[in-house]
N, C-alpha and C. Protein backbone atom coordinates (compact mmCIF):
# COMPACT_ATOMS: atom_id res chain seq x y z
N MET A 1 62.94 110.56 127.69
CA MET A 1 64.71 109.45 127.10
C MET A 1 65.20 107.93 127.91
N THR A 2 65.15 107.20 127.57
CA THR A 2 65.43 105.97 128.86
C THR A 2 66.96 105.57 128.56
N ASP A 3 67.64 105.13 129.68
CA ASP A 3 68.64 104.72 129.73
C ASP A 3 69.00 103.80 128.22
N ALA A 4 68.76 103.32 127.96
CA ALA A 4 68.60 102.00 127.15
C ALA A 4 68.77 102.76 126.13
N PHE A 5 68.24 103.87 125.60
CA PHE A 5 68.20 104.67 124.64
C PHE A 5 69.49 105.33 124.31
N ILE A 6 69.73 106.17 125.49
CA ILE A 6 70.91 106.87 125.65
C ILE A 6 72.19 105.90 125.44
N LYS A 7 72.45 104.88 125.91
CA LYS A 7 73.18 103.55 125.17
C LYS A 7 73.60 103.13 124.67
N ASN A 8 72.37 102.94 123.88
CA ASN A 8 72.29 102.97 122.22
C ASN A 8 72.80 104.01 121.41
N THR A 9 72.64 105.14 121.58
CA THR A 9 72.78 106.40 121.07
C THR A 9 74.29 106.26 121.10
N ILE A 10 74.68 106.21 122.52
CA ILE A 10 76.87 106.51 122.69
C ILE A 10 77.26 105.60 122.13
N LYS A 11 76.68 104.19 121.45
CA LYS A 11 77.49 103.16 121.40
C LYS A 11 77.27 103.61 119.90
N GLN A 12 76.39 103.74 119.59
CA GLN A 12 76.47 104.38 117.76
C GLN A 12 77.32 105.36 117.72
N LEU A 13 77.32 106.15 117.49
CA LEU A 13 78.61 107.47 118.22
C LEU A 13 79.81 107.50 118.35
N GLY A 14 80.28 106.00 119.14
CA GLY A 14 81.77 105.30 119.13
C GLY A 14 81.90 104.76 118.10
N ILE A 15 80.59 104.12 117.39
CA ILE A 15 81.23 102.95 116.00
C ILE A 15 81.40 104.19 114.94
N VAL A 16 80.79 105.28 114.74
CA VAL A 16 80.94 106.82 113.56
C VAL A 16 82.32 106.95 114.06
N LEU A 17 82.58 107.45 115.55
CA LEU A 17 84.07 107.76 115.57
C LEU A 17 85.22 107.37 115.10
N ILE A 18 85.11 105.65 115.23
CA ILE A 18 85.97 104.44 115.11
C ILE A 18 86.25 104.81 113.86
N LEU A 19 84.87 104.61 112.61
CA LEU A 19 85.31 104.73 111.34
C LEU A 19 85.58 105.87 111.19
N LEU A 20 85.77 106.71 111.64
CA LEU A 20 86.18 108.16 110.86
C LEU A 20 88.10 108.44 111.36
N CYS A 21 88.39 107.78 112.52
CA CYS A 21 89.36 107.15 112.61
C CYS A 21 90.00 106.33 111.22
N SER A 22 89.61 105.56 111.01
CA SER A 22 90.36 104.45 110.07
C SER A 22 90.26 104.95 108.84
N ILE A 23 88.96 106.36 108.31
CA ILE A 23 88.94 107.19 107.06
C ILE A 23 90.12 107.81 107.08
N ALA A 24 89.97 108.65 108.37
CA ALA A 24 90.66 109.92 108.32
C ALA A 24 92.24 109.85 107.40
N PRO A 25 93.51 108.68 107.93
CA PRO A 25 94.61 109.19 107.50
C PRO A 25 94.34 108.96 105.58
N LEU A 26 93.36 107.96 105.23
CA LEU A 26 93.09 107.98 103.56
C LEU A 26 93.14 109.73 102.94
N THR A 27 92.35 110.51 103.88
CA THR A 27 91.86 111.07 103.16
C THR A 27 92.50 112.20 103.11
N ALA A 28 93.71 112.00 103.99
CA ALA A 28 94.86 113.00 103.69
C ALA A 28 95.64 112.65 103.06
N VAL A 29 96.15 111.39 101.94
CA VAL A 29 96.64 110.78 101.01
C VAL A 29 96.37 111.86 99.55
N GLN A 30 97.68 112.21 98.92
CA GLN A 30 97.17 113.22 98.31
C GLN A 30 96.67 111.90 97.00
N ALA A 31 95.72 112.39 96.22
CA ALA A 31 95.38 111.48 94.76
C ALA A 31 96.69 111.55 94.05
N THR A 32 96.62 110.58 93.42
CA THR A 32 97.66 110.68 92.24
C THR A 32 97.28 111.29 90.59
N PRO A 33 97.89 112.52 90.55
CA PRO A 33 97.43 113.17 89.20
C PRO A 33 97.59 112.32 87.77
N LYS A 34 96.44 112.78 87.28
CA LYS A 34 95.97 112.13 86.06
C LYS A 34 97.37 111.75 84.77
N GLU A 35 97.12 111.04 84.52
CA GLU A 35 98.17 110.49 83.32
C GLU A 35 98.08 111.40 81.98
N ALA A 36 99.11 111.95 81.12
CA ALA A 36 98.45 113.09 80.72
C ALA A 36 99.44 111.77 79.22
N ASP A 37 98.29 112.28 78.18
CA ASP A 37 98.88 112.03 76.78
C ASP A 37 99.93 111.86 76.64
N PHE A 38 100.89 111.53 76.06
CA PHE A 38 102.03 111.20 75.86
C PHE A 38 102.42 111.74 73.84
N LYS A 39 101.12 111.12 73.26
CA LYS A 39 100.64 111.27 72.14
C LYS A 39 100.80 112.58 71.47
N LYS A 40 99.85 113.39 72.58
CA LYS A 40 99.89 114.55 71.91
C LYS A 40 101.18 115.61 72.21
N SER A 41 102.51 115.42 73.46
CA SER A 41 102.58 116.03 73.72
C SER A 41 104.47 114.74 73.14
N LEU A 42 104.71 114.15 72.45
CA LEU A 42 106.21 113.49 71.86
C LEU A 42 105.70 113.66 70.02
N SER A 43 106.60 113.44 69.61
CA SER A 43 106.56 113.53 68.56
C SER A 43 108.19 113.15 67.62
N VAL A 44 108.17 112.09 66.67
CA VAL A 44 109.91 112.22 66.05
C VAL A 44 109.06 113.42 64.77
N VAL A 45 110.19 114.28 65.06
CA VAL A 45 110.76 115.37 64.09
C VAL A 45 111.11 115.07 62.54
N ASN A 46 112.06 114.09 63.16
CA ASN A 46 113.17 114.40 62.10
C ASN A 46 113.94 112.49 62.20
N SER A 47 114.04 111.87 60.70
CA SER A 47 114.83 110.30 61.01
C SER A 47 115.12 109.72 59.39
N LYS A 48 116.79 109.27 59.79
CA LYS A 48 117.17 108.28 58.87
C LYS A 48 117.67 107.57 59.15
N MET A 49 117.73 106.28 58.32
CA MET A 49 118.14 105.17 58.02
C MET A 49 119.22 104.28 57.60
N SER A 50 119.66 103.82 58.44
CA SER A 50 121.36 103.26 57.74
C SER A 50 121.86 101.97 57.50
N TYR A 51 122.15 101.28 56.50
CA TYR A 51 122.38 100.20 56.48
C TYR A 51 123.57 99.83 56.43
N THR A 52 124.31 98.92 57.02
CA THR A 52 125.27 97.89 57.22
C THR A 52 125.88 97.09 57.29
N GLN A 53 126.86 96.42 55.98
CA GLN A 53 126.79 95.40 55.76
C GLN A 53 128.39 94.47 56.21
N HIS A 54 128.42 93.69 57.30
CA HIS A 54 129.77 93.11 57.73
C HIS A 54 129.40 91.37 57.37
N ASP A 55 130.86 91.03 58.13
CA ASP A 55 131.56 89.97 57.37
C ASP A 55 130.42 88.96 57.68
N ASP A 56 129.02 88.72 58.56
CA ASP A 56 128.17 87.29 58.61
C ASP A 56 127.45 87.96 59.16
N TYR A 57 126.73 89.30 58.95
CA TYR A 57 125.68 89.64 59.20
C TYR A 57 125.66 91.33 58.59
N ASN A 58 124.19 91.44 58.34
CA ASN A 58 123.74 92.96 58.23
C ASN A 58 122.86 93.53 59.29
N SER A 59 123.20 94.84 59.33
CA SER A 59 122.49 95.69 60.42
C SER A 59 121.77 96.70 59.90
N ILE A 60 120.48 96.88 60.54
CA ILE A 60 120.07 98.16 59.97
C ILE A 60 119.38 98.90 61.34
N SER A 61 119.53 99.69 61.17
CA SER A 61 119.81 100.90 61.84
C SER A 61 118.52 102.84 62.28
N SER A 62 118.67 103.23 62.97
CA SER A 62 117.21 104.33 62.09
C SER A 62 118.05 105.64 63.90
N ILE A 63 118.58 106.60 62.95
CA ILE A 63 118.70 107.75 63.95
C ILE A 63 117.52 109.10 63.58
N GLY A 64 117.41 109.63 64.75
CA GLY A 64 116.43 110.71 64.76
C GLY A 64 116.37 111.85 66.26
N THR A 65 115.27 112.69 65.61
CA THR A 65 115.23 113.45 66.86
C THR A 65 113.64 113.35 67.60
N ILE A 66 113.46 113.38 69.16
CA ILE A 66 112.03 113.34 69.43
C ILE A 66 112.44 114.82 69.87
N GLU A 67 110.55 115.21 69.82
CA GLU A 67 110.55 116.86 70.51
C GLU A 67 109.46 116.51 71.60
N ASN A 68 109.68 117.26 72.47
CA ASN A 68 108.50 117.23 73.81
C ASN A 68 107.69 118.76 73.73
N ARG A 69 106.24 118.85 72.95
CA ARG A 69 106.14 119.88 73.30
C ARG A 69 104.82 120.54 74.71
N SER A 70 105.38 119.86 75.29
CA SER A 70 104.47 120.03 76.65
C SER A 70 105.64 120.40 77.82
N ASN A 71 104.97 120.25 78.81
CA ASN A 71 105.10 121.48 80.02
C ASN A 71 105.87 119.96 81.23
N ILE A 72 105.42 118.49 80.58
CA ILE A 72 105.88 117.46 81.49
C ILE A 72 107.28 116.91 81.15
N LYS A 73 107.66 116.14 82.00
CA LYS A 73 109.00 115.47 81.44
C LYS A 73 108.34 114.15 81.52
N TRP A 74 109.06 113.54 80.43
CA TRP A 74 108.86 112.48 80.42
C TRP A 74 109.69 111.44 80.11
N LYS A 75 109.46 109.70 80.10
CA LYS A 75 110.66 108.85 80.87
C LYS A 75 109.82 107.46 80.44
N TYR A 76 111.02 106.59 80.35
CA TYR A 76 110.25 105.15 79.67
C TYR A 76 110.02 105.28 78.31
N LEU A 77 110.54 105.70 77.52
CA LEU A 77 109.93 105.79 76.36
C LEU A 77 110.14 104.42 75.38
N VAL A 78 109.28 103.99 75.01
CA VAL A 78 108.88 102.89 74.42
C VAL A 78 109.03 103.28 72.63
N LEU A 79 110.53 102.97 71.51
CA LEU A 79 110.34 103.03 70.26
C LEU A 79 110.68 102.20 69.32
N GLU A 80 109.26 102.29 67.95
CA GLU A 80 109.45 101.33 67.42
C GLU A 80 109.63 102.03 65.62
N VAL A 81 110.71 101.68 65.05
CA VAL A 81 110.54 101.92 63.68
C VAL A 81 110.63 100.73 63.04
N GLN A 82 109.50 101.12 61.56
CA GLN A 82 109.21 100.21 60.65
C GLN A 82 109.45 100.45 59.46
N PHE A 83 110.25 99.27 58.86
CA PHE A 83 110.47 99.47 57.47
C PHE A 83 110.15 98.85 55.84
N PHE A 84 109.73 99.57 55.12
CA PHE A 84 109.19 99.20 53.87
C PHE A 84 110.00 99.34 53.09
N ASN A 85 109.47 98.44 51.59
CA ASN A 85 110.00 98.66 50.55
C ASN A 85 109.49 98.93 49.49
N ALA A 86 109.66 98.67 47.81
CA ALA A 86 109.58 99.62 47.63
C ALA A 86 107.84 100.07 47.15
N ASN A 87 107.06 98.81 47.47
CA ASN A 87 105.86 99.10 47.38
C ASN A 87 104.91 99.27 48.17
N ASP A 88 105.87 99.79 49.33
CA ASP A 88 105.31 100.41 50.96
C ASP A 88 104.58 99.00 51.48
N GLU A 89 105.90 98.15 51.33
CA GLU A 89 105.26 96.90 52.65
C GLU A 89 106.13 97.17 53.24
N LEU A 90 104.98 96.65 54.69
CA LEU A 90 106.18 96.44 56.00
C LEU A 90 106.91 95.06 55.80
N ILE A 91 108.45 95.54 56.11
CA ILE A 91 109.06 94.47 55.75
C ILE A 91 110.26 93.69 57.15
N ASP A 92 110.06 94.95 57.88
CA ASP A 92 111.07 94.43 58.79
C ASP A 92 110.80 95.61 60.15
N THR A 93 110.64 95.54 61.38
CA THR A 93 111.03 96.39 62.16
C THR A 93 111.98 96.08 63.44
N LEU A 94 112.18 97.35 63.89
CA LEU A 94 113.01 97.39 65.57
C LEU A 94 112.29 98.06 66.71
N THR A 95 112.17 97.39 67.83
CA THR A 95 111.10 97.94 68.92
C THR A 95 112.17 98.01 70.07
N GLU A 96 112.32 99.17 70.93
CA GLU A 96 113.55 99.21 71.81
C GLU A 96 112.81 100.09 72.91
N GLU A 97 113.21 99.15 74.10
CA GLU A 97 112.88 100.45 75.20
C GLU A 97 113.59 101.16 75.81
N LYS A 98 113.79 102.57 76.21
CA LYS A 98 114.32 103.44 76.15
C LYS A 98 114.71 103.89 77.49
N TYR A 99 114.31 102.84 78.24
CA TYR A 99 114.08 103.45 79.73
C TYR A 99 114.95 104.17 80.79
N GLY A 100 116.62 104.21 79.83
CA GLY A 100 117.17 105.42 81.00
C GLY A 100 117.82 106.45 80.06
N MET A 101 115.90 106.81 78.72
CA MET A 101 115.67 108.33 78.56
C MET A 101 114.87 108.87 78.58
N THR A 102 115.26 110.27 79.29
CA THR A 102 114.21 111.64 79.49
C THR A 102 113.90 112.19 78.18
N VAL A 103 112.67 112.55 78.19
CA VAL A 103 112.55 113.91 77.59
C VAL A 103 112.61 115.35 78.83
N PRO A 104 113.03 116.62 78.36
CA PRO A 104 112.87 117.51 79.06
C PRO A 104 111.64 118.09 78.82
N PRO A 105 111.00 119.13 79.46
CA PRO A 105 109.27 119.61 78.72
C PRO A 105 110.15 121.04 78.10
N ASN A 106 109.87 121.00 77.20
CA ASN A 106 109.59 121.93 75.71
C ASN A 106 111.49 121.78 75.48
N ASP A 107 111.69 120.28 75.25
CA ASP A 107 113.33 120.25 74.41
C ASP A 107 113.14 118.84 73.47
N THR A 108 114.23 119.34 73.06
CA THR A 108 114.59 117.89 71.46
C THR A 108 115.50 116.87 72.25
N ILE A 109 115.63 115.91 72.30
CA ILE A 109 116.54 114.35 72.16
C ILE A 109 116.84 113.95 71.38
N ALA A 110 117.72 113.14 70.80
CA ALA A 110 118.48 112.28 69.97
C ALA A 110 117.96 110.83 70.28
N PHE A 111 117.66 110.76 69.51
CA PHE A 111 117.50 108.50 69.90
C PHE A 111 118.03 108.03 68.87
N ARG A 112 118.54 106.61 68.92
CA ARG A 112 119.08 105.57 67.95
C ARG A 112 119.05 104.56 68.33
N LEU A 113 118.40 103.99 67.01
CA LEU A 113 117.49 102.66 67.21
C LEU A 113 118.40 101.33 65.92
N SER A 114 118.93 99.95 66.76
CA SER A 114 119.55 99.37 65.77
C SER A 114 119.90 97.84 65.81
N GLY A 115 119.61 96.75 64.77
CA GLY A 115 119.45 95.58 65.06
C GLY A 115 119.58 94.99 63.49
N GLN A 116 119.34 93.49 63.39
CA GLN A 116 120.23 93.01 62.79
C GLN A 116 118.87 92.60 61.23
N ALA A 117 119.57 93.29 60.06
CA ALA A 117 118.60 92.94 59.27
C ALA A 117 118.23 91.89 58.71
N ASP A 118 116.83 91.95 58.06
CA ASP A 118 116.31 90.81 57.83
C ASP A 118 116.17 90.87 56.16
N LYS A 119 116.50 91.46 55.97
CA LYS A 119 116.12 91.45 54.30
C LYS A 119 117.35 92.25 53.59
N ALA A 120 117.87 92.45 52.58
CA ALA A 120 119.11 92.91 51.95
C ALA A 120 118.49 94.30 51.57
N LYS A 121 119.62 94.83 51.21
CA LYS A 121 119.62 96.18 51.04
C LYS A 121 118.86 97.03 50.50
N SER A 122 118.91 96.50 49.68
CA SER A 122 117.85 96.87 48.11
C SER A 122 116.35 96.69 48.90
N GLU A 123 115.77 95.86 49.65
CA GLU A 123 114.51 96.43 49.98
C GLU A 123 113.95 97.26 50.89
N TYR A 124 115.23 98.38 51.61
CA TYR A 124 115.35 98.63 53.12
C TYR A 124 114.99 100.41 51.73
N VAL A 125 113.72 100.72 51.63
CA VAL A 125 113.37 102.06 51.29
C VAL A 125 113.01 102.76 51.65
N SER A 126 112.29 103.00 52.21
CA SER A 126 111.85 103.83 53.11
C SER A 126 111.39 103.48 55.13
N HIS A 127 111.26 103.99 55.93
CA HIS A 127 110.98 103.67 57.39
C HIS A 127 109.99 104.89 57.73
N LYS A 128 109.39 104.57 58.73
CA LYS A 128 108.76 105.29 60.03
C LYS A 128 108.67 104.61 61.23
N VAL A 129 109.38 106.29 62.46
CA VAL A 129 109.98 105.72 63.90
C VAL A 129 108.39 106.10 64.71
N ARG A 130 108.00 105.35 65.23
CA ARG A 130 106.66 105.97 66.30
C ARG A 130 106.89 105.52 67.64
N ILE A 131 106.09 106.24 68.68
CA ILE A 131 106.74 106.58 69.94
C ILE A 131 105.56 105.60 70.08
N THR A 132 105.22 104.23 71.02
CA THR A 132 104.33 103.63 71.29
C THR A 132 104.47 103.60 72.94
N SER A 133 105.12 103.89 73.92
CA SER A 133 104.67 104.18 75.22
C SER A 133 105.58 105.17 75.48
N ALA A 134 105.15 105.97 76.92
CA ALA A 134 106.00 106.68 77.39
C ALA A 134 105.16 106.91 78.83
N GLU A 135 106.23 107.26 79.85
CA GLU A 135 105.59 107.56 81.38
C GLU A 135 105.93 108.64 81.59
N GLN A 136 105.11 109.81 82.16
CA GLN A 136 105.25 110.94 82.52
C GLN A 136 106.06 110.90 84.07
N VAL A 137 106.84 112.21 84.50
CA VAL A 137 107.33 112.14 85.40
C VAL A 137 106.98 112.61 86.33
N THR A 138 106.46 112.11 87.30
CA THR A 138 105.19 113.28 88.75
C THR A 138 106.38 113.87 89.46
N LYS A 139 105.93 115.00 90.32
CA LYS A 139 106.80 115.53 91.28
C LYS A 139 106.60 114.61 92.41
N CYS A 140 107.15 114.10 93.17
CA CYS A 140 106.52 113.79 94.67
C CYS A 140 106.21 114.98 95.28
N LYS A 141 105.26 114.75 96.07
CA LYS A 141 104.53 116.02 97.12
C LYS A 141 105.38 116.04 98.27
N PRO A 142 105.25 116.47 98.82
CA PRO A 142 105.87 116.16 100.40
C PRO A 142 104.98 115.66 100.93
N LYS A 143 104.85 114.69 101.91
CA LYS A 143 103.45 114.54 102.81
C LYS A 143 102.99 115.50 103.09
N SER A 144 102.32 115.41 103.96
CA SER A 144 101.14 116.87 104.38
C SER A 144 101.77 116.41 106.03
N LYS A 145 102.07 117.63 106.80
CA LYS A 145 102.44 118.02 108.23
C LYS A 145 101.48 117.90 109.25
N ASN A 146 100.08 118.56 108.45
CA ASN A 146 98.84 118.77 109.06
C ASN A 146 98.16 117.55 109.34
N ILE A 147 98.27 116.28 109.42
CA ILE A 147 97.57 115.41 109.16
C ILE A 147 96.76 115.86 110.43
N PHE A 148 97.07 115.42 111.45
CA PHE A 148 96.66 115.84 112.95
C PHE A 148 95.56 116.69 112.98
N PHE A 149 96.20 117.74 112.16
CA PHE A 149 95.00 119.11 112.44
C PHE A 149 94.09 118.54 111.45
N LYS A 150 94.06 117.80 110.03
CA LYS A 150 92.82 117.72 109.82
C LYS A 150 92.27 116.64 110.33
N LEU A 151 92.62 115.41 110.84
CA LEU A 151 92.08 114.83 111.32
C LEU A 151 91.23 115.06 113.04
N LEU A 152 91.96 116.32 113.50
CA LEU A 152 91.18 116.87 114.78
C LEU A 152 89.85 117.26 113.57
N THR A 153 90.00 118.64 112.93
CA THR A 153 89.04 119.22 112.22
C THR A 153 87.42 118.41 111.99
N ALA A 154 88.28 117.07 111.35
CA ALA A 154 86.84 116.28 110.59
C ALA A 154 86.62 115.29 112.02
N LEU A 155 87.13 115.32 113.19
CA LEU A 155 87.11 114.68 114.23
C LEU A 155 85.93 115.76 115.15
N LEU A 156 86.26 116.89 115.00
CA LEU A 156 85.57 117.68 116.16
C LEU A 156 84.18 117.90 115.99
N PRO A 157 83.46 118.02 115.19
CA PRO A 157 81.80 117.81 115.01
C PRO A 157 81.50 117.14 115.74
N LEU A 158 82.36 115.89 115.39
CA LEU A 158 81.16 114.22 115.92
C LEU A 158 82.08 114.52 118.16
N ALA A 159 82.91 115.47 118.33
CA ALA A 159 82.87 114.71 119.25
C ALA A 159 82.09 116.15 119.99
N ILE A 160 82.07 117.40 119.47
CA ILE A 160 81.36 118.63 120.04
C ILE A 160 79.64 117.69 120.37
N VAL A 161 79.15 116.63 119.24
CA VAL A 161 77.90 115.62 119.90
C VAL A 161 78.38 114.79 120.98
N ILE A 162 79.19 114.36 121.09
CA ILE A 162 79.14 113.62 122.44
C ILE A 162 79.33 114.19 123.59
N LEU A 163 79.95 115.42 123.38
CA LEU A 163 80.24 116.39 124.78
C LEU A 163 78.82 116.54 124.81
N VAL A 164 78.05 116.99 124.07
CA VAL A 164 76.52 117.73 124.36
C VAL A 164 75.92 116.62 125.00
N LEU A 165 76.23 115.40 124.54
CA LEU A 165 74.61 114.20 124.90
C LEU A 165 75.57 113.96 126.21
N VAL A 166 76.94 113.77 126.51
CA VAL A 166 77.23 113.53 127.83
C VAL A 166 76.90 114.37 129.03
N ILE A 167 76.78 115.78 128.54
CA ILE A 167 76.27 116.44 129.54
C ILE A 167 74.87 116.72 129.66
N PHE A 168 74.12 116.47 128.83
CA PHE A 168 72.29 116.27 128.24
C PHE A 168 72.38 114.80 129.81
N VAL A 169 73.07 113.84 129.64
CA VAL A 169 73.00 112.74 129.94
C VAL A 169 73.28 113.16 131.96
N LYS A 170 74.82 113.52 132.11
CA LYS A 170 74.73 114.00 133.54
C LYS A 170 73.62 114.69 133.77
N LYS A 171 72.78 115.95 133.30
CA LYS A 171 71.38 116.48 133.86
C LYS A 171 70.85 116.11 133.93
N ALA A 172 70.61 115.00 132.83
CA ALA A 172 69.47 113.92 133.30
C ALA A 172 69.56 113.24 134.42
N GLN A 173 70.79 113.32 135.05
CA GLN A 173 71.25 112.58 136.13
C GLN A 173 70.80 113.37 137.45
N GLY A 174 71.15 114.35 137.19
CA GLY A 174 71.33 115.09 139.03
C GLY A 174 70.05 115.28 139.52
N LYS A 175 70.16 116.07 140.80
CA LYS A 175 69.51 116.00 141.80
C LYS A 175 68.39 116.74 141.01
N ASN A 176 68.18 118.09 140.29
CA ASN A 176 66.71 118.77 140.05
C ASN A 176 66.81 118.25 138.66
N SER A 177 66.67 116.96 138.07
CA SER A 177 66.52 116.51 137.00
C SER A 177 65.53 115.90 137.49
N PRO A 178 64.16 116.04 136.18
CA PRO A 178 62.41 115.34 135.89
C PRO A 178 62.23 114.22 136.84
N GLN A 179 64.12 113.46 135.98
CA GLN A 179 63.70 111.80 136.88
C GLN A 179 63.80 111.50 138.69
N SER A 180 64.90 112.86 138.78
CA SER A 180 65.15 112.77 139.93
C SER A 180 64.32 113.32 141.15
N ARG A 181 63.79 113.97 140.74
CA ARG A 181 62.33 114.54 141.12
C ARG A 181 60.74 113.66 141.58
N ILE A 182 61.25 112.86 140.17
CA ILE A 182 59.68 111.69 140.36
C ILE A 182 59.85 111.25 141.47
N ILE A 183 61.28 110.44 141.23
CA ILE A 183 61.63 109.19 142.49
C ILE A 183 61.81 109.92 144.02
N GLU A 184 61.99 111.43 143.80
CA GLU A 184 61.98 112.12 145.47
C GLU A 184 60.38 112.35 145.63
N ASN A 185 59.54 112.27 144.91
CA ASN A 185 58.12 112.70 144.59
C ASN A 185 57.54 110.62 145.67
N GLN A 186 58.10 109.94 144.67
CA GLN A 186 57.42 108.83 144.50
C GLN A 186 58.26 108.10 146.46
N GLU A 187 59.36 108.64 146.68
CA GLU A 187 59.93 107.93 147.97
C GLU A 187 58.86 109.06 149.49
N LYS A 188 58.42 110.19 148.92
CA LYS A 188 57.98 111.17 150.03
C LYS A 188 56.01 110.31 149.92
N THR A 189 55.52 109.61 148.73
CA THR A 189 54.22 109.16 148.63
C THR A 189 54.46 107.86 149.56
N ASN A 190 55.72 107.12 149.61
CA ASN A 190 55.62 105.92 150.10
C ASN A 190 55.65 106.18 151.81
N ASN A 191 56.86 107.18 152.24
CA ASN A 191 56.87 107.64 153.66
C ASN A 191 54.82 107.85 153.98
N ILE A 192 54.65 108.94 153.54
CA ILE A 192 53.39 109.15 153.64
C ILE A 192 52.49 107.75 153.90
N MET A 193 52.79 107.20 152.98
CA MET A 193 51.37 105.84 153.17
C MET A 193 51.95 104.80 153.99
N GLU A 194 53.24 104.83 154.26
CA GLU A 194 53.99 103.86 155.83
C GLU A 194 53.48 104.76 156.80
N GLU A 195 53.43 106.13 157.29
CA GLU A 195 53.16 106.70 158.18
C GLU A 195 51.48 106.30 158.11
N THR A 196 50.85 106.65 157.43
CA THR A 196 49.47 106.63 157.59
C THR A 196 49.23 104.85 157.90
N ASN A 197 49.42 104.07 157.64
CA ASN A 197 49.29 102.71 157.56
C ASN A 197 49.64 102.41 159.32
N ARG A 198 50.76 102.77 159.86
CA ARG A 198 50.89 102.99 160.75
C ARG A 198 50.09 103.96 162.23
N LEU A 199 49.43 105.21 161.35
CA LEU A 199 48.56 105.44 162.82
C LEU A 199 47.38 104.81 162.58
N ILE A 200 47.00 104.00 161.46
CA ILE A 200 45.45 103.29 161.21
C ILE A 200 45.52 102.14 162.50
N LYS A 201 46.66 101.14 162.34
CA LYS A 201 47.22 100.35 163.31
C LYS A 201 46.97 100.64 164.80
N GLU A 202 47.45 102.27 164.93
CA GLU A 202 47.86 102.50 166.55
C GLU A 202 46.03 102.82 166.95
N GLN A 203 45.54 103.12 165.89
CA GLN A 203 44.17 103.84 166.17
C GLN A 203 42.92 102.17 166.39
N HIS A 204 43.58 100.84 165.69
CA HIS A 204 42.82 99.82 165.80
C HIS A 204 43.40 99.61 167.30
N THR A 205 44.40 99.54 167.57
CA THR A 205 45.07 99.04 168.78
C THR A 205 44.51 99.67 170.02
N ILE A 206 44.11 101.23 170.02
CA ILE A 206 43.48 101.55 170.97
C ILE A 206 42.30 102.05 171.35
N GLN A 207 41.75 101.82 169.37
CA GLN A 207 40.21 101.11 170.19
C GLN A 207 39.58 99.57 170.88
N ASN A 208 40.68 98.56 170.32
CA ASN A 208 40.36 97.21 170.73
C ASN A 208 40.72 97.67 172.63
N ALA A 209 41.76 98.22 172.87
CA ALA A 209 41.55 98.50 174.56
C ALA A 209 40.83 98.89 175.37
N ILE A 210 40.03 100.20 174.26
CA ILE A 210 38.62 100.85 174.96
C ILE A 210 37.74 99.63 174.64
N MET A 211 37.71 98.71 173.92
CA MET A 211 36.32 97.98 173.79
C MET A 211 36.68 96.62 175.09
N GLU A 212 37.80 96.78 175.33
CA GLU A 212 38.18 95.66 175.98
C GLU A 212 38.13 96.14 177.62
N LYS A 213 38.58 97.45 178.15
CA LYS A 213 37.88 98.08 179.18
C LYS A 213 36.78 97.81 179.44
N GLN A 214 35.68 98.67 178.25
CA GLN A 214 34.01 98.92 178.36
C GLN A 214 33.90 97.25 178.65
N ASN A 215 34.14 96.52 177.97
CA ASN A 215 34.04 95.34 178.44
C ASN A 215 34.02 94.82 180.11
N ASP A 216 35.63 95.07 180.59
CA ASP A 216 35.36 94.77 181.76
C ASP A 216 34.49 95.33 182.91
N ILE A 217 34.59 96.50 182.46
CA ILE A 217 33.53 97.63 183.37
C ILE A 217 31.80 96.62 183.55
N LEU A 218 31.55 97.06 182.43
CA LEU A 218 30.33 96.15 182.44
C LEU A 218 30.35 94.59 182.78
N LYS A 219 31.55 94.08 182.52
CA LYS A 219 31.36 92.41 183.20
C LYS A 219 31.38 92.88 185.35
N GLU A 220 31.96 94.51 185.45
CA GLU A 220 32.35 94.08 186.85
C GLU A 220 30.66 94.17 187.72
N ILE A 221 29.93 95.46 186.23
CA ILE A 221 29.05 95.98 187.27
C ILE A 221 27.92 94.78 187.38
N ALA A 222 27.66 94.29 186.31
CA ALA A 222 26.66 92.53 186.28
C ALA A 222 27.25 91.58 187.81
N ASP A 223 28.56 91.74 187.89
CA ASP A 223 28.99 90.80 188.83
C ASP A 223 28.24 91.35 190.00
N ALA A 224 28.17 93.08 190.04
CA ALA A 224 28.25 93.42 191.57
C ALA A 224 26.41 93.00 191.74
N MET A 225 25.53 93.57 190.42
CA MET A 225 24.52 93.25 190.72
C MET A 225 23.87 91.99 191.07
N ARG A 226 24.80 91.20 190.63
CA ARG A 226 24.41 89.72 190.70
C ARG A 226 24.91 89.48 192.12
N ASN A 227 25.53 89.61 192.84
CA ASN A 227 25.77 89.47 194.28
C ASN A 227 24.74 90.58 195.21
N LYS A 228 24.25 91.07 194.85
CA LYS A 228 23.21 91.67 195.41
C LYS A 228 21.75 91.24 196.20
């Protein structure tokens, strides 16, 4: 395992750690409960219409009750009442947003819709009330108090991996590591080579000195013989 590989591995683990730190707070957020179908829970159980004549205009209204057959509390109801003539033809309609109205679970509430009438009283023969929209009331769950614990649990495996890698790197760089032994052996080999070279040089020096001494003696002997 080379130093470059170790550094690259630590770098990649650091990137993963940063990503986990960024994602962990998001995973702690509670998911929004799925919206239930208000049409299966709410229904208009009874209603009646009323036509009122005024001096300068006429009004039409509908009053009735809404039943909630579920365990869910509903709010922001939008009610629509359709008016029909004797031929069952749609002649008028009223739509009202009941933002202040809530329907408790397994309960009934009363409602009233009114508006200006567009036709004569005789035209209004029947009516139909329907709920076109509603929103369920969801209980706000308290924020988790152990976000730090969840984050710690998520990052603990990665921290263990990093710790093991750091220990391995330190061990690889220790005195008894294979790398250290190789370097130590190489240094010993270099010292032996240097000592061998030094001894060879000294041997050559001694041999040269001996040869020079022998040459001097031979020269002296030759001179002595010539002088005789």
